Amino acid sequence: GANYSRLIVAFLMEASVDYNYFFSEFRQSDLDPILKSDPINLINTRLSIGAETDRWQLSILVKNLLDEYAISAGNDVPRSNGAHFGQVIPPRTYTVGVSTRF
């Protein structure tokens, strides 16, 4: 990932970006094409501002910025011909955080 920080007056501003590329791949061991994932780009970002002394910080985090849809795991359903189950990666999420040090 990439990180950037800059001091503005008495505030420290920081930004970071993480990028991950995942190739198309099968999500189960028997190579069933139904559970083959498409290639995806996952980008997570974080922006924060806080005191230069690191006494407090306000941050905003965005995960899965491009709102990619993909199956992270899956398999056949036993004794159910043609049935499958899978776990989908979380959609775009936002998190706001406040921290302080005493």
N, C-alpha and C. Protein backbone atom coordinates (compact mmCIF):
# COMPACT_ATOMS: atom_id res chain seq x y z
N GLY A 1 0.82 -1.18 0.00
CA GLY A 1 0.00 0.00 0.00
C GLY A 1 0.87 1.25 0.00
N ALA A 2 0.20 2.36 -0.15
CA ALA A 2 0.87 3.65 -0.16
C ALA A 2 0.39 4.47 1.04
N ASN A 3 1.33 5.17 1.66
CA ASN A 3 1.01 6.02 2.82
C ASN A 3 1.53 7.42 2.56
N TYR A 4 0.79 8.42 3.07
CA TYR A 4 1.19 9.81 2.93
C TYR A 4 0.81 10.51 4.22
N SER A 5 1.69 11.34 4.74
CA SER A 5 1.38 12.14 5.92
C SER A 5 1.94 13.53 5.74
N ARG A 6 1.20 14.49 6.30
CA ARG A 6 1.62 15.88 6.17
C ARG A 6 1.17 16.65 7.39
N LEU A 7 2.04 17.50 7.88
CA LEU A 7 1.73 18.35 9.02
C LEU A 7 1.15 19.66 8.49
N ILE A 8 -0.07 19.98 8.93
CA ILE A 8 -0.75 21.22 8.54
C ILE A 8 -1.04 21.98 9.82
N VAL A 9 -0.36 23.10 10.02
CA VAL A 9 -0.41 23.90 11.24
C VAL A 9 -0.06 22.98 12.41
N ALA A 10 -0.99 22.65 13.30
CA ALA A 10 -0.70 21.76 14.42
C ALA A 10 -1.40 20.41 14.28
N PHE A 11 -1.84 20.10 13.07
CA PHE A 11 -2.57 18.86 12.83
C PHE A 11 -1.77 17.96 11.89
N LEU A 12 -1.79 16.68 12.19
CA LEU A 12 -1.14 15.70 11.34
C LEU A 12 -2.21 15.02 10.50
N MET A 13 -2.09 15.11 9.19
CA MET A 13 -3.04 14.49 8.28
C MET A 13 -2.36 13.29 7.63
N GLU A 14 -3.03 12.14 7.65
CA GLU A 14 -2.47 10.92 7.07
C GLU A 14 -3.48 10.29 6.12
N ALA A 15 -2.96 9.71 5.05
CA ALA A 15 -3.80 8.99 4.10
C ALA A 15 -3.08 7.71 3.69
N SER A 16 -3.83 6.65 3.50
CA SER A 16 -3.23 5.41 3.04
C SER A 16 -4.21 4.68 2.10
N VAL A 17 -3.63 3.93 1.17
CA VAL A 17 -4.40 3.15 0.22
C VAL A 17 -3.75 1.78 0.11
N ASP A 18 -4.56 0.74 0.19
CA ASP A 18 -4.09 -0.63 -0.01
C ASP A 18 -4.80 -1.20 -1.23
N TYR A 19 -4.05 -1.87 -2.09
CA TYR A 19 -4.61 -2.44 -3.31
C TYR A 19 -4.24 -3.92 -3.38
N ASN A 20 -5.23 -4.75 -3.70
CA ASN A 20 -5.01 -6.18 -3.88
C ASN A 20 -5.74 -6.63 -5.14
N TYR A 21 -5.04 -7.38 -5.97
CA TYR A 21 -5.65 -7.96 -7.17
C TYR A 21 -5.75 -9.46 -6.95
N PHE A 22 -6.92 -10.02 -7.23
CA PHE A 22 -7.14 -11.45 -7.10
C PHE A 22 -7.49 -12.02 -8.46
N PHE A 23 -6.72 -12.99 -8.92
CA PHE A 23 -6.96 -13.64 -10.20
C PHE A 23 -8.24 -14.47 -10.13
N SER A 24 -8.78 -14.81 -11.28
CA SER A 24 -9.91 -15.73 -11.36
C SER A 24 -9.44 -17.09 -10.82
N GLU A 25 -10.25 -17.68 -9.96
CA GLU A 25 -9.85 -18.97 -9.40
C GLU A 25 -11.07 -19.76 -8.97
N PHE A 26 -10.87 -21.07 -8.87
CA PHE A 26 -11.93 -21.95 -8.40
C PHE A 26 -12.01 -21.87 -6.88
N ARG A 27 -13.21 -21.85 -6.35
CA ARG A 27 -13.41 -21.71 -4.90
C ARG A 27 -13.69 -23.03 -4.21
N GLN A 28 -13.52 -24.13 -4.90
CA GLN A 28 -13.64 -25.45 -4.28
C GLN A 28 -12.70 -26.41 -4.98
N SER A 29 -12.38 -27.50 -4.32
CA SER A 29 -11.32 -28.40 -4.80
C SER A 29 -11.69 -29.22 -6.03
N ASP A 30 -12.98 -29.41 -6.33
CA ASP A 30 -13.32 -30.24 -7.49
C ASP A 30 -13.43 -29.44 -8.80
N LEU A 31 -13.01 -28.17 -8.77
CA LEU A 31 -12.95 -27.30 -9.94
C LEU A 31 -14.30 -27.13 -10.64
N ASP A 32 -15.36 -27.05 -9.88
CA ASP A 32 -16.70 -26.81 -10.41
C ASP A 32 -16.78 -25.38 -10.94
N PRO A 33 -17.09 -25.19 -12.24
CA PRO A 33 -17.10 -23.84 -12.81
C PRO A 33 -18.17 -22.92 -12.22
N ILE A 34 -19.18 -23.47 -11.57
CA ILE A 34 -20.22 -22.63 -10.96
C ILE A 34 -19.62 -21.75 -9.87
N LEU A 35 -18.62 -22.26 -9.15
CA LEU A 35 -18.02 -21.49 -8.06
C LEU A 35 -16.64 -20.93 -8.45
N LYS A 36 -16.46 -20.65 -9.73
CA LYS A 36 -15.22 -20.01 -10.17
C LYS A 36 -15.42 -18.49 -10.06
N SER A 37 -14.49 -17.83 -9.39
CA SER A 37 -14.60 -16.38 -9.20
C SER A 37 -13.99 -15.62 -10.36
N ASP A 38 -14.52 -14.44 -10.61
CA ASP A 38 -13.94 -13.54 -11.59
C ASP A 38 -12.77 -12.81 -10.95
N PRO A 39 -11.85 -12.27 -11.74
CA PRO A 39 -10.77 -11.47 -11.14
C PRO A 39 -11.36 -10.20 -10.53
N ILE A 40 -10.80 -9.77 -9.40
CA ILE A 40 -11.31 -8.56 -8.74
C ILE A 40 -10.17 -7.67 -8.26
N ASN A 41 -10.48 -6.39 -8.10
CA ASN A 41 -9.56 -5.40 -7.54
C ASN A 41 -10.14 -4.94 -6.22
N LEU A 42 -9.43 -5.16 -5.14
CA LEU A 42 -9.89 -4.69 -3.83
C LEU A 42 -9.03 -3.51 -3.39
N ILE A 43 -9.71 -2.41 -3.06
CA ILE A 43 -9.02 -1.20 -2.61
C ILE A 43 -9.60 -0.79 -1.27
N ASN A 44 -8.72 -0.58 -0.29
CA ASN A 44 -9.10 -0.07 1.02
C ASN A 44 -8.39 1.26 1.23
N THR A 45 -9.09 2.24 1.80
CA THR A 45 -8.50 3.55 2.03
C THR A 45 -8.71 3.99 3.47
N ARG A 46 -7.83 4.85 3.93
CA ARG A 46 -7.94 5.41 5.29
C ARG A 46 -7.46 6.85 5.25
N LEU A 47 -8.23 7.74 5.84
CA LEU A 47 -7.88 9.15 5.95
C LEU A 47 -8.04 9.54 7.40
N SER A 48 -7.02 10.19 7.97
CA SER A 48 -7.11 10.58 9.38
C SER A 48 -6.50 11.97 9.58
N ILE A 49 -6.99 12.62 10.62
CA ILE A 49 -6.45 13.91 11.04
C ILE A 49 -6.39 13.87 12.56
N GLY A 50 -5.33 14.43 13.10
CA GLY A 50 -5.18 14.39 14.55
C GLY A 50 -4.17 15.41 15.02
N ALA A 51 -3.99 15.44 16.32
CA ALA A 51 -3.05 16.36 16.93
C ALA A 51 -1.62 15.96 16.57
N GLU A 52 -0.77 16.93 16.41
CA GLU A 52 0.63 16.67 16.10
C GLU A 52 1.28 15.81 17.19
N THR A 53 0.83 15.95 18.41
CA THR A 53 1.37 15.20 19.54
C THR A 53 0.80 13.79 19.64
N ASP A 54 -0.09 13.42 18.70
CA ASP A 54 -0.73 12.10 18.70
C ASP A 54 -1.66 11.89 19.89
N ARG A 55 -2.13 12.99 20.50
CA ARG A 55 -3.04 12.89 21.65
C ARG A 55 -4.44 12.46 21.25
N TRP A 56 -4.88 12.86 20.06
CA TRP A 56 -6.19 12.44 19.56
C TRP A 56 -6.12 12.26 18.05
N GLN A 57 -7.08 11.52 17.52
CA GLN A 57 -7.12 11.27 16.08
C GLN A 57 -8.55 10.93 15.65
N LEU A 58 -8.96 11.47 14.52
CA LEU A 58 -10.25 11.16 13.89
C LEU A 58 -9.92 10.50 12.56
N SER A 59 -10.52 9.34 12.29
CA SER A 59 -10.20 8.63 11.05
C SER A 59 -11.45 8.10 10.36
N ILE A 60 -11.34 7.98 9.05
CA ILE A 60 -12.39 7.40 8.21
C ILE A 60 -11.75 6.30 7.39
N LEU A 61 -12.35 5.12 7.42
CA LEU A 61 -11.84 3.95 6.72
C LEU A 61 -12.91 3.45 5.75
N VAL A 62 -12.53 3.19 4.51
CA VAL A 62 -13.45 2.61 3.53
C VAL A 62 -12.82 1.32 3.02
N LYS A 63 -13.52 0.22 3.21
CA LYS A 63 -13.06 -1.08 2.72
C LYS A 63 -13.87 -1.46 1.49
N ASN A 64 -13.22 -2.14 0.54
CA ASN A 64 -13.84 -2.53 -0.72
C ASN A 64 -14.41 -1.30 -1.42
N LEU A 65 -13.57 -0.31 -1.63
CA LEU A 65 -13.96 0.98 -2.20
C LEU A 65 -14.73 0.86 -3.51
N LEU A 66 -14.37 -0.09 -4.37
CA LEU A 66 -15.04 -0.26 -5.66
C LEU A 66 -16.30 -1.10 -5.56
N ASP A 67 -16.65 -1.54 -4.36
CA ASP A 67 -17.83 -2.37 -4.10
C ASP A 67 -17.84 -3.62 -4.98
N GLU A 68 -16.72 -4.32 -5.01
CA GLU A 68 -16.59 -5.54 -5.79
C GLU A 68 -17.44 -6.66 -5.18
N TYR A 69 -17.95 -7.53 -6.03
CA TYR A 69 -18.73 -8.69 -5.59
C TYR A 69 -17.93 -9.93 -5.96
N ALA A 70 -17.69 -10.80 -4.99
CA ALA A 70 -16.95 -12.03 -5.27
C ALA A 70 -17.28 -13.06 -4.20
N ILE A 71 -17.14 -14.31 -4.57
CA ILE A 71 -17.30 -15.42 -3.63
C ILE A 71 -15.93 -15.74 -3.07
N SER A 72 -15.82 -15.75 -1.74
CA SER A 72 -14.53 -16.04 -1.12
C SER A 72 -14.35 -17.53 -0.83
N ALA A 73 -15.45 -18.27 -0.71
CA ALA A 73 -15.38 -19.70 -0.45
C ALA A 73 -16.72 -20.32 -0.84
N GLY A 74 -16.72 -21.59 -1.17
CA GLY A 74 -17.95 -22.27 -1.53
C GLY A 74 -17.74 -23.75 -1.67
N ASN A 75 -18.84 -24.47 -1.82
CA ASN A 75 -18.77 -25.92 -1.97
C ASN A 75 -20.11 -26.45 -2.43
N ASP A 76 -20.16 -27.75 -2.72
CA ASP A 76 -21.42 -28.42 -3.05
C ASP A 76 -22.19 -28.68 -1.76
N VAL A 77 -23.52 -28.78 -1.90
CA VAL A 77 -24.35 -29.17 -0.75
C VAL A 77 -24.49 -30.69 -0.81
N PRO A 78 -24.05 -31.39 0.23
CA PRO A 78 -24.14 -32.86 0.22
C PRO A 78 -25.58 -33.34 0.05
N ARG A 79 -25.74 -34.38 -0.75
CA ARG A 79 -27.03 -35.03 -0.98
C ARG A 79 -28.09 -34.13 -1.62
N SER A 80 -27.65 -33.04 -2.24
CA SER A 80 -28.58 -32.16 -2.96
C SER A 80 -27.98 -31.92 -4.34
N ASN A 81 -28.46 -32.66 -5.31
CA ASN A 81 -27.90 -32.62 -6.65
C ASN A 81 -27.97 -31.21 -7.24
N GLY A 82 -26.81 -30.64 -7.60
CA GLY A 82 -26.75 -29.33 -8.24
C GLY A 82 -26.79 -28.14 -7.30
N ALA A 83 -26.92 -28.37 -6.00
CA ALA A 83 -26.99 -27.26 -5.04
C ALA A 83 -25.58 -26.88 -4.57
N HIS A 84 -25.38 -25.59 -4.36
CA HIS A 84 -24.10 -25.07 -3.90
C HIS A 84 -24.32 -24.03 -2.82
N PHE A 85 -23.29 -23.78 -2.03
CA PHE A 85 -23.34 -22.66 -1.09
C PHE A 85 -22.03 -21.91 -1.21
N GLY A 86 -22.06 -20.64 -0.83
CA GLY A 86 -20.85 -19.84 -0.91
C GLY A 86 -20.89 -18.68 0.07
N GLN A 87 -19.72 -18.17 0.33
CA GLN A 87 -19.58 -17.00 1.21
C GLN A 87 -19.11 -15.84 0.34
N VAL A 88 -19.83 -14.72 0.42
CA VAL A 88 -19.53 -13.55 -0.39
C VAL A 88 -18.70 -12.57 0.43
N ILE A 89 -17.74 -11.89 -0.23
CA ILE A 89 -16.95 -10.89 0.49
C ILE A 89 -17.87 -9.73 0.88
N PRO A 90 -17.56 -9.03 1.96
CA PRO A 90 -18.41 -7.91 2.39
C PRO A 90 -18.45 -6.80 1.33
N PRO A 91 -19.59 -6.12 1.21
CA PRO A 91 -19.68 -5.00 0.28
C PRO A 91 -18.87 -3.81 0.80
N ARG A 92 -18.94 -2.68 0.10
CA ARG A 92 -18.25 -1.48 0.57
C ARG A 92 -18.73 -1.15 1.98
N THR A 93 -17.77 -0.91 2.87
CA THR A 93 -18.11 -0.55 4.26
C THR A 93 -17.35 0.71 4.66
N TYR A 94 -17.99 1.49 5.51
CA TYR A 94 -17.40 2.72 6.03
C TYR A 94 -17.26 2.61 7.54
N THR A 95 -16.16 3.08 8.08
CA THR A 95 -15.94 3.08 9.50
C THR A 95 -15.37 4.44 9.89
N VAL A 96 -15.91 5.01 10.96
CA VAL A 96 -15.40 6.26 11.49
C VAL A 96 -14.86 5.95 12.89
N GLY A 97 -13.67 6.43 13.18
CA GLY A 97 -13.06 6.15 14.48
C GLY A 97 -12.50 7.41 15.12
N VAL A 98 -12.58 7.43 16.43
CA VAL A 98 -11.99 8.51 17.23
C VAL A 98 -11.15 7.84 18.30
N SER A 99 -9.91 8.33 18.45
CA SER A 99 -9.06 7.76 19.48
C SER A 99 -8.38 8.91 20.24
N THR A 100 -8.05 8.62 21.49
CA THR A 100 -7.34 9.57 22.30
C THR A 100 -6.35 8.85 23.19
N ARG A 101 -5.31 9.54 23.59
CA ARG A 101 -4.30 8.98 24.49
C ARG A 101 -4.18 9.89 25.71
N PHE A 102 -4.10 9.25 26.86
CA PHE A 102 -3.99 10.02 28.11
C PHE A 102 -2.60 9.95 28.65
